[in-house]
Amino acid sequence: MTDNVEELKAEVERLRAKNAQLLDEKKKVAGGAESLTAELEALTKERDEAKAELHRLTVELPRMNTLEEVAMPNMADTLLREISHHFDIGEGETLISKETGEPLQVEVPSGKSGKPETVAVKLDEIGIRRLYECKVIPAIGAMIKGSGASGGGAKGAGGVYSTTTPQPSQSQAGQTRRFGLS
């Protein structure tokens, strides 16, 4: 029986050693999983930041440049908010109605025939002007620049105007005025 007890004690010791070994391996695996989870979170954050920067550079920046070209000074953000209030911006900068979910289409006269044709409105200079001209969003009229046309020999918006004050004639220069009357 002592042999049997000794064998059992040896077996218990081997099982304890194996148990300790398995616990160490479990701790290593758990530690490795935690480090992999932390690494995954860091990589996910880095990916999200890169996607946001890519979106800013490829979508938002060109969109704001277009709006700044069309809008009056310091009105590009306001113009975007007004348009975004009524429409979502879809693929290819197409304006999509928030009410119907359909792309916005307006009728414009065609070039040669003069018959109206239906065209999709995009968030570009032509599309923004169409929103105002077709009275889709009449409020943006005060936010967009005029065409800058200066036909008919008239001075355009960039013209320089000079004003001269007429000099009084000599006969008027010698007379004194009372109370602003001559």
C-alpha atoms as a PDB file:
ATOM      1  CA  MET A   1       0.000   0.000   0.000  1.00  0.00           C
ATOM      2  CA  THR A   2       2.892   2.364   0.601  1.00  0.00           C
ATOM      3  CA  ASP A   3       3.902   1.899  -2.988  1.00  0.00           C
ATOM      4  CA  ASN A   4       0.464   2.880  -4.034  1.00  0.00           C
ATOM      5  CA  VAL A   5       0.536   5.988  -1.818  1.00  0.00           C
ATOM      6  CA  GLU A   6       3.931   6.974  -3.153  1.00  0.00           C
ATOM      7  CA  GLU A   7       2.716   6.580  -6.712  1.00  0.00           C
ATOM      8  CA  LEU A   8      -0.350   8.679  -5.937  1.00  0.00           C
ATOM      9  CA  LYS A   9       1.793  11.393  -4.317  1.00  0.00           C
ATOM     10  CA  ALA A  10       4.044  11.433  -7.360  1.00  0.00           C
ATOM     11  CA  GLU A  11       1.004  11.625  -9.634  1.00  0.00           C
ATOM     12  CA  VAL A  12      -0.398  14.541  -7.584  1.00  0.00           C
ATOM     13  CA  GLU A  13       2.950  16.354  -7.867  1.00  0.00           C
ATOM     14  CA  ARG A  14       3.053  15.832 -11.633  1.00  0.00           C
ATOM     15  CA  LEU A  15      -0.531  17.102 -11.903  1.00  0.00           C
ATOM     16  CA  ARG A  16       0.351  20.172  -9.789  1.00  0.00           C
ATOM     17  CA  ALA A  17       3.345  20.889 -11.999  1.00  0.00           C
ATOM     18  CA  LYS A  18       1.246  20.441 -15.121  1.00  0.00           C
ATOM     19  CA  ASN A  19      -1.446  22.681 -13.600  1.00  0.00           C
ATOM     20  CA  ALA A  20       1.137  25.397 -12.863  1.00  0.00           C
ATOM     21  CA  GLN A  21       2.509  25.089 -16.404  1.00  0.00           C
ATOM     22  CA  LEU A  22      -0.984  25.414 -17.896  1.00  0.00           C
ATOM     23  CA  LEU A  23      -1.748  28.435 -15.691  1.00  0.00           C
ATOM     24  CA  ASP A  24       1.452  30.130 -16.886  1.00  0.00           C
ATOM     25  CA  GLU A  25       0.517  29.431 -20.502  1.00  0.00           C
ATOM     26  CA  LYS A  26      -2.983  30.759 -19.900  1.00  0.00           C
ATOM     27  CA  LYS A  27      -1.574  33.983 -18.414  1.00  0.00           C
ATOM     28  CA  LYS A  28       0.759  34.404 -21.412  1.00  0.00           C
ATOM     29  CA  VAL A  29      -2.094  33.872 -23.860  1.00  0.00           C
ATOM     30  CA  ALA A  30      -4.339  36.279 -21.934  1.00  0.00           C
ATOM     31  CA  GLY A  31      -1.556  38.871 -21.859  1.00  0.00           C
ATOM     32  CA  GLY A  32      -0.967  38.361 -25.581  1.00  0.00           C
ATOM     33  CA  ALA A  33      -4.686  38.739 -26.277  1.00  0.00           C
ATOM     34  CA  GLU A  34      -4.781  41.977 -24.270  1.00  0.00           C
ATOM     35  CA  SER A  35      -1.795  43.382 -26.150  1.00  0.00           C
ATOM     36  CA  LEU A  36      -3.350  42.324 -29.473  1.00  0.00           C
ATOM     37  CA  THR A  37      -6.626  43.988 -28.466  1.00  0.00           C
ATOM     38  CA  ALA A  38      -4.781  47.207 -27.600  1.00  0.00           C
ATOM     39  CA  GLU A  39      -2.863  47.042 -30.882  1.00  0.00           C
ATOM     40  CA  LEU A  40      -6.119  46.469 -32.776  1.00  0.00           C
ATOM     41  CA  GLU A  41      -7.711  49.493 -31.101  1.00  0.00           C
ATOM     42  CA  ALA A  42      -4.698  51.666 -31.985  1.00  0.00           C
ATOM     43  CA  LEU A  43      -4.766  50.491 -35.607  1.00  0.00           C
ATOM     44  CA  THR A  44      -8.533  51.038 -35.823  1.00  0.00           C
ATOM     45  CA  LYS A  45      -8.139  54.571 -34.479  1.00  0.00           C
ATOM     46  CA  GLU A  46      -5.329  55.268 -36.962  1.00  0.00           C
ATOM     47  CA  ARG A  47      -7.465  53.912 -39.835  1.00  0.00           C
ATOM     48  CA  ASP A  48     -10.453  56.041 -38.814  1.00  0.00           C
ATOM     49  CA  GLU A  49      -8.285  59.167 -38.642  1.00  0.00           C
ATOM     50  CA  ALA A  50      -6.817  58.409 -42.076  1.00  0.00           C
ATOM     51  CA  LYS A  51     -10.313  57.881 -43.537  1.00  0.00           C
ATOM     52  CA  ALA A  52     -11.491  61.163 -42.015  1.00  0.00           C
ATOM     53  CA  GLU A  53      -8.498  63.035 -43.447  1.00  0.00           C
ATOM     54  CA  LEU A  54      -9.020  61.434 -46.851  1.00  0.00           C
ATOM     55  CA  HIS A  55     -12.692  62.460 -46.789  1.00  0.00           C
ATOM     56  CA  ARG A  56     -11.719  65.999 -45.785  1.00  0.00           C
ATOM     57  CA  LEU A  57      -9.175  66.284 -48.605  1.00  0.00           C
ATOM     58  CA  THR A  58     -11.194  64.626 -51.370  1.00  0.00           C
ATOM     59  CA  VAL A  59     -14.752  65.717 -50.521  1.00  0.00           C
ATOM     60  CA  GLU A  60     -15.033  68.557 -48.040  1.00  0.00           C
ATOM     61  CA  LEU A  61     -12.147  70.740 -49.209  1.00  0.00           C
ATOM     62  CA  PRO A  62     -13.147  70.775 -52.913  1.00  0.00           C
ATOM     63  CA  ARG A  63     -16.768  71.352 -51.863  1.00  0.00           C
ATOM     64  CA  MET A  64     -15.802  74.374 -49.746  1.00  0.00           C
ATOM     65  CA  ASN A  65     -13.590  75.728 -52.539  1.00  0.00           C
ATOM     66  CA  THR A  66     -16.568  75.568 -54.917  1.00  0.00           C
ATOM     67  CA  LEU A  67     -18.821  77.281 -52.387  1.00  0.00           C
ATOM     68  CA  GLU A  68     -16.263  80.015 -51.736  1.00  0.00           C
ATOM     69  CA  GLU A  69     -16.024  80.715 -55.473  1.00  0.00           C
ATOM     70  CA  VAL A  70     -19.803  81.090 -55.760  1.00  0.00           C
ATOM     71  CA  ALA A  71     -20.646  82.700 -52.418  1.00  0.00           C
ATOM     72  CA  MET A  72     -20.230  86.267 -51.313  1.00  0.00           C
ATOM     73  CA  PRO A  73     -17.241  86.818 -48.991  1.00  0.00           C
ATOM     74  CA  ASN A  74     -17.622  84.967 -45.663  1.00  0.00           C
ATOM     75  CA  MET A  75     -20.906  83.355 -46.770  1.00  0.00           C
ATOM     76  CA  ALA A  76     -19.722  79.890 -47.921  1.00  0.00           C
ATOM     77  CA  ASP A  77     -20.532  78.195 -44.590  1.00  0.00           C
ATOM     78  CA  THR A  78     -23.951  79.835 -44.441  1.00  0.00           C
ATOM     79  CA  LEU A  79     -24.662  78.840 -48.029  1.00  0.00           C
ATOM     80  CA  LEU A  80     -23.693  75.220 -47.312  1.00  0.00           C
ATOM     81  CA  ARG A  81     -25.918  75.165 -44.206  1.00  0.00           C
ATOM     82  CA  GLU A  82     -28.874  76.518 -46.188  1.00  0.00           C
ATOM     83  CA  ILE A  83     -28.425  73.973 -48.973  1.00  0.00           C
ATOM     84  CA  SER A  84     -27.844  71.151 -46.452  1.00  0.00           C
ATOM     85  CA  HIS A  85     -31.045  72.125 -44.658  1.00  0.00           C
ATOM     86  CA  HIS A  86     -33.068  71.175 -47.739  1.00  0.00           C
ATOM     87  CA  PHE A  87     -30.871  68.595 -49.473  1.00  0.00           C
ATOM     88  CA  ASP A  88     -28.405  65.806 -48.821  1.00  0.00           C
ATOM     89  CA  ILE A  89     -25.341  65.579 -51.041  1.00  0.00           C
ATOM     90  CA  GLY A  90     -25.052  62.241 -52.805  1.00  0.00           C
ATOM     91  CA  GLU A  91     -22.686  60.539 -55.231  1.00  0.00           C
ATOM     92  CA  GLY A  92     -21.076  62.918 -57.684  1.00  0.00           C
ATOM     93  CA  GLU A  93     -22.241  65.923 -55.613  1.00  0.00           C
ATOM     94  CA  THR A  94     -25.856  65.383 -56.736  1.00  0.00           C
ATOM     95  CA  LEU A  95     -28.387  67.093 -54.480  1.00  0.00           C
ATOM     96  CA  ILE A  96     -30.944  64.697 -53.013  1.00  0.00           C
ATOM     97  CA  SER A  97     -34.233  65.924 -51.580  1.00  0.00           C
ATOM     98  CA  LYS A  98     -34.595  65.247 -47.868  1.00  0.00           C
ATOM     99  CA  GLU A  99     -38.373  64.998 -48.304  1.00  0.00           C
ATOM    100  CA  THR A 100     -38.518  62.466 -51.139  1.00  0.00           C
ATOM    101  CA  GLY A 101     -35.044  60.923 -51.165  1.00  0.00           C
ATOM    102  CA  GLU A 102     -34.877  61.497 -54.933  1.00  0.00           C
ATOM    103  CA  PRO A 103     -32.197  63.486 -56.804  1.00  0.00           C
ATOM    104  CA  LEU A 104     -33.266  67.098 -57.381  1.00  0.00           C
ATOM    105  CA  GLN A 105     -34.128  67.848 -61.001  1.00  0.00           C
ATOM    106  CA  VAL A 106     -35.159  71.192 -62.472  1.00  0.00           C
ATOM    107  CA  GLU A 107     -36.308  72.313 -65.893  1.00  0.00           C
ATOM    108  CA  VAL A 108     -33.976  74.630 -67.777  1.00  0.00           C
ATOM    109  CA  PRO A 109     -34.276  75.919 -71.343  1.00  0.00           C
ATOM    110  CA  SER A 110     -32.104  73.970 -73.740  1.00  0.00           C
ATOM    111  CA  GLY A 111     -29.586  75.836 -75.840  1.00  0.00           C
ATOM    112  CA  LYS A 112     -30.862  75.817 -79.426  1.00  0.00           C
ATOM    113  CA  SER A 113     -34.477  74.719 -79.332  1.00  0.00           C
ATOM    114  CA  GLY A 114     -35.488  76.682 -76.249  1.00  0.00           C
ATOM    115  CA  LYS A 115     -37.575  73.742 -75.063  1.00  0.00           C
ATOM    116  CA  PRO A 116     -37.162  73.028 -71.376  1.00  0.00           C
ATOM    117  CA  GLU A 117     -35.147  69.999 -70.449  1.00  0.00           C
ATOM    118  CA  THR A 118     -34.921  68.336 -67.042  1.00  0.00           C
ATOM    119  CA  VAL A 119     -31.447  68.218 -65.523  1.00  0.00           C
ATOM    120  CA  ALA A 120     -30.111  66.971 -62.203  1.00  0.00           C
ATOM    121  CA  VAL A 121     -28.781  69.653 -59.883  1.00  0.00           C
ATOM    122  CA  LYS A 122     -25.296  69.182 -58.461  1.00  0.00           C
ATOM    123  CA  LEU A 123     -23.400  71.080 -55.813  1.00  0.00           C
ATOM    124  CA  ASP A 124     -21.324  73.069 -58.281  1.00  0.00           C
ATOM    125  CA  GLU A 125     -21.444  76.660 -59.499  1.00  0.00           C
ATOM    126  CA  ILE A 126     -24.116  75.973 -62.120  1.00  0.00           C
ATOM    127  CA  GLY A 127     -26.215  73.909 -59.715  1.00  0.00           C
ATOM    128  CA  ILE A 128     -26.096  76.519 -56.955  1.00  0.00           C
ATOM    129  CA  ARG A 129     -27.165  79.238 -59.384  1.00  0.00           C
ATOM    130  CA  ARG A 130     -30.007  76.985 -60.607  1.00  0.00           C
ATOM    131  CA  LEU A 131     -31.249  76.589 -57.038  1.00  0.00           C
ATOM    132  CA  TYR A 132     -31.774  80.345 -56.950  1.00  0.00           C
ATOM    133  CA  GLU A 133     -32.868  80.933 -60.547  1.00  0.00           C
ATOM    134  CA  CYS A 134     -35.473  78.130 -60.453  1.00  0.00           C
ATOM    135  CA  LYS A 135     -36.680  79.428 -57.082  1.00  0.00           C
ATOM    136  CA  VAL A 136     -35.902  76.136 -55.346  1.00  0.00           C
ATOM    137  CA  ILE A 137     -34.140  78.034 -52.523  1.00  0.00           C
ATOM    138  CA  PRO A 138     -34.783  81.741 -53.185  1.00  0.00           C
ATOM    139  CA  ALA A 139     -33.098  82.735 -49.907  1.00  0.00           C
ATOM    140  CA  ILE A 140     -29.637  81.984 -51.300  1.00  0.00           C
ATOM    141  CA  GLY A 141     -29.875  84.861 -53.769  1.00  0.00           C
ATOM    142  CA  ALA A 142     -28.299  87.231 -51.254  1.00  0.00           C
ATOM    143  CA  MET A 143     -25.510  84.727 -50.553  1.00  0.00           C
ATOM    144  CA  ILE A 144     -24.207  84.157 -54.080  1.00  0.00           C
ATOM    145  CA  LYS A 145     -22.105  86.456 -56.208  1.00  0.00           C
ATOM    146  CA  GLY A 146     -23.487  88.047 -59.317  1.00  0.00           C
ATOM    147  CA  SER A 147     -22.217  87.016 -62.712  1.00  0.00           C
ATOM    148  CA  GLY A 148     -19.850  89.985 -62.955  1.00  0.00           C
ATOM    149  CA  ALA A 149     -21.056  90.698 -66.493  1.00  0.00           C
ATOM    150  CA  SER A 150     -20.310  94.178 -67.750  1.00  0.00           C
ATOM    151  CA  GLY A 151     -21.907  94.291 -71.185  1.00  0.00           C
ATOM    152  CA  GLY A 152     -23.011  97.374 -73.106  1.00  0.00           C
ATOM    153  CA  GLY A 153     -19.831  99.291 -72.366  1.00  0.00           C
ATOM    154  CA  ALA A 154     -20.789  99.731 -68.739  1.00  0.00           C
ATOM    155  CA  LYS A 155     -18.127  99.416 -66.124  1.00  0.00           C
ATOM    156  CA  GLY A 156     -18.246  96.025 -64.396  1.00  0.00           C
ATOM    157  CA  ALA A 157     -17.815  95.267 -60.749  1.00  0.00           C
ATOM    158  CA  GLY A 158     -14.067  95.677 -61.056  1.00  0.00           C
ATOM    159  CA  GLY A 159     -14.226  99.134 -62.696  1.00  0.00           C
ATOM    160  CA  VAL A 160     -12.530 102.116 -61.136  1.00  0.00           C
ATOM    161  CA  TYR A 161     -14.690 105.148 -60.735  1.00  0.00           C
ATOM    162  CA  SER A 162     -13.351 108.621 -60.262  1.00  0.00           C
ATOM    163  CA  THR A 163     -15.357 111.465 -58.903  1.00  0.00           C
ATOM    164  CA  THR A 164     -14.409 115.077 -59.340  1.00  0.00           C
ATOM    165  CA  THR A 165     -15.855 117.988 -57.495  1.00  0.00           C
ATOM    166  CA  PRO A 166     -16.883 120.730 -59.878  1.00  0.00           C
ATOM    167  CA  GLN A 167     -14.947 123.917 -59.278  1.00  0.00           C
ATOM    168  CA  PRO A 168     -17.076 127.038 -58.809  1.00  0.00           C
ATOM    169  CA  SER A 169     -16.897 129.514 -61.653  1.00  0.00           C
ATOM    170  CA  GLN A 170     -15.142 132.815 -61.099  1.00  0.00           C
ATOM    171  CA  SER A 171     -18.376 134.748 -60.953  1.00  0.00           C
ATOM    172  CA  GLN A 172     -19.643 132.519 -58.170  1.00  0.00           C
ATOM    173  CA  ALA A 173     -16.308 132.552 -56.328  1.00  0.00           C
ATOM    174  CA  GLY A 174     -16.467 136.320 -55.720  1.00  0.00           C
ATOM    175  CA  GLN A 175     -19.961 136.291 -54.262  1.00  0.00           C
ATOM    176  CA  THR A 176     -20.487 135.718 -50.573  1.00  0.00           C
ATOM    177  CA  ARG A 177     -23.227 133.450 -49.498  1.00  0.00           C
ATOM    178  CA  ARG A 178     -25.444 133.933 -46.561  1.00  0.00           C
ATOM    179  CA  PHE A 179     -27.014 131.023 -44.846  1.00  0.00           C
ATOM    180  CA  GLY A 180     -26.103 128.775 -47.755  1.00  0.00           C
ATOM    181  CA  LEU A 181     -28.141 130.793 -50.249  1.00  0.00           C
ATOM    182  CA  SER A 182     -26.717 132.542 -53.262  1.00  0.00           C
END
